[in-house]
C-alpha atoms as a PDB file:
ATOM      1  CA  MET A   1      68.177 115.483  97.664  1.00  0.00           C
ATOM      2  CA  ARG A   2      68.536 111.676  97.427  1.00  0.00           C
ATOM      3  CA  THR A   3      68.476 111.762  93.822  1.00  0.00           C
ATOM      4  CA  CYS A   4      71.159 114.613  93.903  1.00  0.00           C
ATOM      5  CA  ILE A   5      73.214 112.938  96.154  1.00  0.00           C
ATOM      6  CA  ARG A   6      73.218 109.864  94.897  1.00  0.00           C
ATOM      7  CA  ILE A   7      74.756 111.914  91.294  1.00  0.00           C
ATOM      8  CA  ILE A   8      77.216 114.226  92.899  1.00  0.00           C
ATOM      9  CA  SER A   9      78.588 110.584  95.126  1.00  0.00           C
ATOM     10  CA  LYS A  10      77.860 109.014  91.651  1.00  0.00           C
ATOM     11  CA  ILE A  11      80.553 111.630  89.754  1.00  0.00           C
ATOM     12  CA  THR A  12      82.752 111.597  92.839  1.00  0.00           C
ATOM     13  CA  ASP A  13      83.366 107.626  92.863  1.00  0.00           C
ATOM     14  CA  VAL A  14      84.440 107.491  89.614  1.00  0.00           C
ATOM     15  CA  THR A  15      86.432 110.263  90.267  1.00  0.00           C
ATOM     16  CA  GLY A  16      88.347 108.154  92.701  1.00  0.00           C
ATOM     17  CA  LEU A  17      88.192 105.270  91.597  1.00  0.00           C
ATOM     18  CA  VAL A  18      89.901 107.028  88.036  1.00  0.00           C
ATOM     19  CA  LEU A  19      92.518 108.775  90.242  1.00  0.00           C
ATOM     20  CA  MET A  20      93.195 105.499  92.346  1.00  0.00           C
ATOM     21  CA  TRP A  21      95.119 104.369  89.446  1.00  0.00           C
ATOM     22  CA  PHE A  22      97.409 107.196  89.684  1.00  0.00           C
ATOM     23  CA  PRO A  23      99.731 105.553  92.364  1.00  0.00           C
ATOM     24  CA  TRP A  24     100.310 102.622  90.505  1.00  0.00           C
ATOM     25  CA  ILE A  25     101.062 104.819  87.292  1.00  0.00           C
ATOM     26  CA  LEU A  26     103.582 106.835  89.787  1.00  0.00           C
ATOM     27  CA  THR A  27     104.895 103.812  90.986  1.00  0.00           C
ATOM     28  CA  VAL A  28     106.404 102.180  87.308  1.00  0.00           C
ATOM     29  CA  ILE A  29     107.550 105.442  86.675  1.00  0.00           C
ATOM     30  CA  ILE A  30     109.573 105.770  89.081  1.00  0.00           C
ATOM     31  CA  VAL A  31     110.549 102.466  88.990  1.00  0.00           C
ATOM     32  CA  TRP A  32     111.162 102.466  85.513  1.00  0.00           C
ATOM     33  CA  GLU A  33     113.608 105.912  85.943  1.00  0.00           C
ATOM     34  CA  LEU A  34     115.344 104.006  88.955  1.00  0.00           C
ATOM     35  CA  ILE A  35     116.272 100.681  86.632  1.00  0.00           C
ATOM     36  CA  LEU A  36     117.211 102.693  83.693  1.00  0.00           C
ATOM     37  CA  ARG A  37     119.405 104.844  85.507  1.00  0.00           C
ATOM     38  CA  ASN A  38     121.256 102.882  88.013  1.00  0.00           C
ATOM     39  CA  LEU A  39     121.513  99.655  86.045  1.00  0.00           C
ATOM     40  CA  PHE A  40     121.716 100.607  82.616  1.00  0.00           C
ATOM     41  CA  ASN A  41     123.273 104.456  83.274  1.00  0.00           C
ATOM     42  CA  ARG A  42     120.334 105.320  81.292  1.00  0.00           C
ATOM     43  CA  PRO A  43     118.325 108.527  83.135  1.00  0.00           C
ATOM     44  CA  THR A  44     115.288 109.224  81.415  1.00  0.00           C
ATOM     45  CA  ILE A  45     114.783 113.248  80.319  1.00  0.00           C
ATOM     46  CA  TRP A  46     110.780 112.883  81.146  1.00  0.00           C
ATOM     47  CA  ALA A  47     110.342 110.154  84.190  1.00  0.00           C
ATOM     48  CA  HIS A  48     111.161 113.191  87.165  1.00  0.00           C
ATOM     49  CA  GLU A  49     108.871 115.811  85.764  1.00  0.00           C
ATOM     50  CA  ILE A  50     105.406 113.132  84.571  1.00  0.00           C
ATOM     51  CA  SER A  51     106.023 112.092  87.888  1.00  0.00           C
ATOM     52  CA  VAL A  52     105.279 115.389  89.280  1.00  0.00           C
ATOM     53  CA  MET A  53     102.705 115.646  87.289  1.00  0.00           C
ATOM     54  CA  VAL A  54     101.027 112.464  87.901  1.00  0.00           C
ATOM     55  CA  PHE A  55     101.464 113.377  91.419  1.00  0.00           C
ATOM     56  CA  ALA A  56      99.981 117.096  90.750  1.00  0.00           C
ATOM     57  CA  VAL A  57      96.695 115.762  89.099  1.00  0.00           C
ATOM     58  CA  LEU A  58      96.634 113.409  91.787  1.00  0.00           C
ATOM     59  CA  THR A  59      96.341 115.436  94.945  1.00  0.00           C
ATOM     60  CA  ILE A  60      94.607 118.061  93.238  1.00  0.00           C
ATOM     61  CA  THR A  61      91.822 115.859  91.992  1.00  0.00           C
ATOM     62  CA  SER A  62      90.995 113.727  95.449  1.00  0.00           C
ATOM     63  CA  GLY A  63      90.428 116.367  97.614  1.00  0.00           C
ATOM     64  CA  ALA A  64      86.344 115.277  96.424  1.00  0.00           C
ATOM     65  CA  TYR A  65      86.497 112.015  97.437  1.00  0.00           C
ATOM     66  CA  ALA A  66      88.460 112.753 100.295  1.00  0.00           C
ATOM     67  CA  LEU A  67      85.982 114.917 101.819  1.00  0.00           C
ATOM     68  CA  LYS A  68      83.182 112.162 101.035  1.00  0.00           C
ATOM     69  CA  ALA A  69      85.759 109.706 102.790  1.00  0.00           C
ATOM     70  CA  LYS A  70      85.749 112.082 106.025  1.00  0.00           C
ATOM     71  CA  ALA A  71      89.196 111.665 105.523  1.00  0.00           C
ATOM     72  CA  HIS A  72      89.673 115.628 105.807  1.00  0.00           C
ATOM     73  CA  VAL A  73      91.253 116.568 109.228  1.00  0.00           C
ATOM     74  CA  ASN A  74      88.669 116.825 112.216  1.00  0.00           C
ATOM     75  CA  MET A  75      88.491 117.975 115.698  1.00  0.00           C
ATOM     76  CA  ASP A  76      87.365 114.606 117.006  1.00  0.00           C
ATOM     77  CA  LEU A  77      88.154 116.082 120.169  1.00  0.00           C
ATOM     78  CA  PHE A  78      84.696 117.427 120.502  1.00  0.00           C
ATOM     79  CA  TYR A  79      83.209 116.264 117.291  1.00  0.00           C
ATOM     80  CA  THR A  80      82.983 112.028 118.368  1.00  0.00           C
ATOM     81  CA  ARG A  81      80.908 113.291 121.398  1.00  0.00           C
ATOM     82  CA  PHE A  82      78.293 114.757 119.041  1.00  0.00           C
ATOM     83  CA  SER A  83      74.680 113.348 118.750  1.00  0.00           C
ATOM     84  CA  ASN A  84      74.362 112.350 114.420  1.00  0.00           C
ATOM     85  CA  ARG A  85      71.896 115.902 114.318  1.00  0.00           C
ATOM     86  CA  GLY A  86      75.167 117.300 116.025  1.00  0.00           C
ATOM     87  CA  LYS A  87      77.687 116.892 113.704  1.00  0.00           C
ATOM     88  CA  ALA A  88      75.031 117.344 111.247  1.00  0.00           C
ATOM     89  CA  ILE A  89      74.712 121.022 113.128  1.00  0.00           C
ATOM     90  CA  ILE A  90      78.370 121.650 113.249  1.00  0.00           C
ATOM     91  CA  ASP A  91      78.500 120.611 109.549  1.00  0.00           C
ATOM     92  CA  ILE A  92      76.367 122.706 108.094  1.00  0.00           C
ATOM     93  CA  ILE A  93      78.022 125.818 110.255  1.00  0.00           C
ATOM     94  CA  THR A  94      81.382 124.651 108.993  1.00  0.00           C
ATOM     95  CA  SER A  95      80.089 124.222 105.277  1.00  0.00           C
ATOM     96  CA  PRO A  96      80.792 127.333 103.700  1.00  0.00           C
ATOM     97  CA  ALA A  97      84.368 127.045 104.151  1.00  0.00           C
ATOM     98  CA  ILE A  98      84.679 123.863 101.758  1.00  0.00           C
ATOM     99  CA  PHE A  99      82.453 126.581  99.217  1.00  0.00           C
ATOM    100  CA  ILE A 100      84.742 129.655  99.901  1.00  0.00           C
ATOM    101  CA  PHE A 101      87.914 128.143  99.547  1.00  0.00           C
ATOM    102  CA  ALA A 102      86.458 125.425  96.232  1.00  0.00           C
ATOM    103  CA  GLY A 103      84.837 129.137  94.761  1.00  0.00           C
ATOM    104  CA  VAL A 104      88.165 130.750  95.607  1.00  0.00           C
ATOM    105  CA  LEU A 105      90.354 127.871  93.889  1.00  0.00           C
ATOM    106  CA  MET A 106      87.706 127.590  90.795  1.00  0.00           C
ATOM    107  CA  TRP A 107      88.345 131.422  89.561  1.00  0.00           C
ATOM    108  CA  LEU A 108      91.505 131.654  90.740  1.00  0.00           C
ATOM    109  CA  GLY A 109      92.653 127.957  89.176  1.00  0.00           C
ATOM    110  CA  TRP A 110      90.733 129.025  85.851  1.00  0.00           C
ATOM    111  CA  GLU A 111      92.467 132.320  85.647  1.00  0.00           C
ATOM    112  CA  PHE A 112      96.302 130.381  86.221  1.00  0.00           C
ATOM    113  CA  ALA A 113      95.124 128.121  83.177  1.00  0.00           C
ATOM    114  CA  VAL A 114      93.629 130.181  81.080  1.00  0.00           C
ATOM    115  CA  ARG A 115      96.942 131.842  81.045  1.00  0.00           C
ATOM    116  CA  SER A 116      98.912 129.130  80.934  1.00  0.00           C
ATOM    117  CA  TYR A 117      97.281 127.750  77.755  1.00  0.00           C
ATOM    118  CA  MET A 118      96.860 130.863  76.229  1.00  0.00           C
ATOM    119  CA  LEU A 119     100.831 131.191  76.305  1.00  0.00           C
ATOM    120  CA  GLN A 120     101.531 128.249  75.821  1.00  0.00           C
ATOM    121  CA  GLU A 121     103.689 127.444  78.794  1.00  0.00           C
ATOM    122  CA  ARG A 122     106.371 124.726  78.811  1.00  0.00           C
ATOM    123  CA  SER A 123     107.975 123.906  81.452  1.00  0.00           C
ATOM    124  CA  ILE A 124     112.074 124.820  81.884  1.00  0.00           C
ATOM    125  CA  SER A 125     113.124 121.200  81.977  1.00  0.00           C
ATOM    126  CA  THR A 126     114.809 120.193  78.645  1.00  0.00           C
ATOM    127  CA  TRP A 127     112.072 117.966  77.877  1.00  0.00           C
ATOM    128  CA  SER A 128     110.505 120.908  78.172  1.00  0.00           C
ATOM    129  CA  PRO A 129     106.480 119.594  77.904  1.00  0.00           C
ATOM    130  CA  VAL A 130     103.736 121.947  78.013  1.00  0.00           C
ATOM    131  CA  VAL A 131     102.069 122.113  81.963  1.00  0.00           C
ATOM    132  CA  TRP A 132      98.467 124.095  81.140  1.00  0.00           C
ATOM    133  CA  PRO A 133      96.542 120.130  81.151  1.00  0.00           C
ATOM    134  CA  VAL A 134      97.905 119.789  84.567  1.00  0.00           C
ATOM    135  CA  LYS A 135      97.062 123.791  85.642  1.00  0.00           C
ATOM    136  CA  PHE A 136      93.566 122.495  84.380  1.00  0.00           C
ATOM    137  CA  MET A 137      93.022 120.151  86.996  1.00  0.00           C
ATOM    138  CA  ILE A 138      93.096 123.019  89.296  1.00  0.00           C
ATOM    139  CA  PRO A 139      89.582 124.770  89.047  1.00  0.00           C
ATOM    140  CA  LEU A 140      88.533 121.126  87.628  1.00  0.00           C
ATOM    141  CA  GLY A 141      89.585 119.205  90.692  1.00  0.00           C
ATOM    142  CA  ALA A 142      87.593 122.371  92.689  1.00  0.00           C
ATOM    143  CA  ALA A 143      84.492 121.812  90.848  1.00  0.00           C
ATOM    144  CA  LEU A 144      84.946 118.399  91.941  1.00  0.00           C
ATOM    145  CA  LEU A 145      85.328 118.997  95.998  1.00  0.00           C
ATOM    146  CA  PHE A 146      82.422 122.684  95.722  1.00  0.00           C
ATOM    147  CA  LEU A 147      79.835 119.483  94.698  1.00  0.00           C
ATOM    148  CA  GLN A 148      80.921 117.253  96.483  1.00  0.00           C
ATOM    149  CA  GLY A 149      80.637 120.353  98.979  1.00  0.00           C
ATOM    150  CA  ILE A 150      76.791 120.243  98.069  1.00  0.00           C
ATOM    151  CA  ALA A 151      76.400 116.235  98.460  1.00  0.00           C
ATOM    152  CA  GLU A 152      77.449 116.637 102.137  1.00  0.00           C
ATOM    153  CA  LEU A 153      76.024 120.173 103.078  1.00  0.00           C
ATOM    154  CA  LEU A 154      72.630 117.992 101.635  1.00  0.00           C
ATOM    155  CA  LYS A 155      73.523 114.586 103.187  1.00  0.00           C
ATOM    156  CA  ASN A 156      73.516 116.863 106.640  1.00  0.00           C
ATOM    157  CA  ILE A 157      70.076 118.525 105.736  1.00  0.00           C
ATOM    158  CA  LEU A 158      68.454 115.408 105.330  1.00  0.00           C
ATOM    159  CA  THR A 159      69.988 114.733 109.416  1.00  0.00           C
ATOM    160  CA  LEU A 160      68.503 117.243 110.654  1.00  0.00           C
ATOM    161  CA  ILE A 161      65.376 116.304 109.140  1.00  0.00           C
ATOM    162  CA  GLY A 162      65.379 112.761 109.659  1.00  0.00           C
ATOM    163  CA  GLY A 163      67.349 112.073 112.605  1.00  0.00           C
ATOM    164  CA  GLU A 164      69.932 109.340 111.190  1.00  0.00           C
ATOM    165  CA  ARG A 165      73.055 110.876 109.194  1.00  0.00           C
ATOM    166  CA  GLU A 166      72.726 110.098 105.270  1.00  0.00           C
ATOM    167  CA  GLY A 167      75.205 107.960 103.783  1.00  0.00           C
ATOM    168  CA  ALA A 168      74.892 107.669 100.052  1.00  0.00           C
END
């Protein structure tokens, strides 16, 4: 179980390391557009759309890292008062919600992305880039979330067995 947790955690960490650059990329694109638009009166036709796509990929694929970092919303009013084992029990009871959400998102996201690919769907803007690569991030992000959910479930099972909260 610990090996599985380590492998999934490594995947999540690598994803997080890649995604940490996305806000910087987004900032460069927006600043570039602002400079061209306001100082040189030369707006681009691509900056807005690329910034939306970068933000979409960041948002869609960062759920697993947020789950690992315990950054999702939690009902702390009661949760913080529980022992490590109590927290593990609550997390195990609520883990099906993650799996159902991620599973439905993978399934429907896959259909959505494949349809977009088959149609070679493009944006309706003047620039008109293909949008299916961004749409394929939906099932990928859901799969990453599902995997991290498995790791969290295994950590909680180990907590029940051993009594100490697993970190990985």
